[in-house]
Amino acid sequence: MIFTVEETALIGAFDPSSRNAAMLKMAAHLKLIEDDDLKTLAKRTVRKLNSITDEEFASIDFTVYEEDDDE
């Protein structure tokens, strides 16, 4: 399963510590998202996360999306 840059950034913003944590946090916040495009992106990302294994999730590099402490 290939995630888009936007999907990967969204996972990183919620909780990239585990597939389950990312899915749960994103799903819990769906009702709070007012922007239709962002809500669609979040729903699609949750569906993709649900369709992969924990091992596949662990192979995704989220470090590129971490904030630089120097900024």
Protein backbone atom coordinates (compact mmCIF):
# COMPACT_ATOMS: atom_id res chain seq x y z
CA MET A 1 0.00 0.00 0.00
CA ILE A 2 1.39 3.34 -1.03
CA PHE A 3 0.44 6.44 0.94
CA THR A 4 0.47 9.87 -0.65
CA VAL A 5 2.62 12.64 0.80
CA GLU A 6 -0.54 14.20 2.23
CA GLU A 7 -1.66 10.93 3.84
CA THR A 8 1.78 10.32 5.32
CA ALA A 9 1.93 13.86 6.71
CA LEU A 10 -1.54 13.43 8.22
CA ILE A 11 -0.53 10.19 9.93
CA GLY A 12 2.56 11.95 11.25
CA ALA A 13 0.43 14.78 12.61
CA PHE A 14 -1.86 12.44 14.52
CA ASP A 15 0.33 9.63 15.88
CA PRO A 16 2.87 7.65 13.88
CA SER A 17 3.87 5.50 16.87
CA SER A 18 1.72 2.58 15.69
CA ARG A 19 -0.85 1.76 13.03
CA ASN A 20 -3.55 1.26 15.63
CA ALA A 21 -2.80 4.54 17.43
CA ALA A 22 -2.87 6.46 14.16
CA MET A 23 -6.19 4.90 13.12
CA LEU A 24 -7.84 5.44 16.50
CA LYS A 25 -6.76 9.05 16.89
CA MET A 26 -7.66 9.96 13.34
CA ALA A 27 -11.05 8.25 13.52
CA ALA A 28 -11.81 9.91 16.86
CA HIS A 29 -11.16 13.34 15.37
CA LEU A 30 -13.18 12.85 12.16
CA LYS A 31 -16.29 14.45 13.62
CA LEU A 32 -14.28 17.53 14.57
CA ILE A 33 -12.86 18.13 11.09
CA GLU A 34 -14.92 20.78 9.32
CA ASP A 35 -12.99 21.02 6.05
CA ASP A 36 -14.52 18.59 3.53
CA ASP A 37 -11.24 17.91 1.71
CA LEU A 38 -9.39 17.21 4.95
CA LYS A 39 -12.21 14.98 6.18
CA THR A 40 -12.11 13.01 2.91
CA LEU A 41 -8.34 12.67 3.21
CA ALA A 42 -8.61 11.47 6.81
CA LYS A 43 -11.30 8.90 5.98
CA ARG A 44 -9.26 7.55 3.05
CA THR A 45 -6.15 7.39 5.21
CA VAL A 46 -7.97 5.47 7.96
CA ARG A 47 -9.24 2.98 5.35
CA LYS A 48 -5.70 2.51 4.01
CA LEU A 49 -4.29 2.07 7.52
CA ASN A 50 -6.93 -0.55 8.19
CA SER A 51 -5.89 -2.48 5.08
CA ILE A 52 -2.17 -2.81 5.88
CA THR A 53 -0.31 -4.86 8.47
CA ASP A 54 1.58 -3.53 11.46
CA GLU A 55 4.80 -4.64 9.76
CA GLU A 56 3.98 -2.61 6.65
CA PHE A 57 3.18 0.39 8.83
CA ALA A 58 6.48 0.03 10.71
CA SER A 59 8.37 0.28 7.42
CA ILE A 60 7.03 3.78 6.70
CA ASP A 61 9.54 6.56 7.40
CA PHE A 62 7.81 9.43 9.19
CA THR A 63 11.03 11.22 10.18
CA VAL A 64 10.85 13.48 7.13
CA TYR A 65 7.63 14.95 8.58
CA GLU A 66 8.96 15.64 12.07
CA GLU A 67 9.35 19.31 12.98
CA ASP A 68 12.84 20.69 13.22
CA ASP A 69 13.52 21.91 16.76
CA ASP A 70 15.77 24.68 15.40
CA GLU A 71 12.88 26.48 13.71
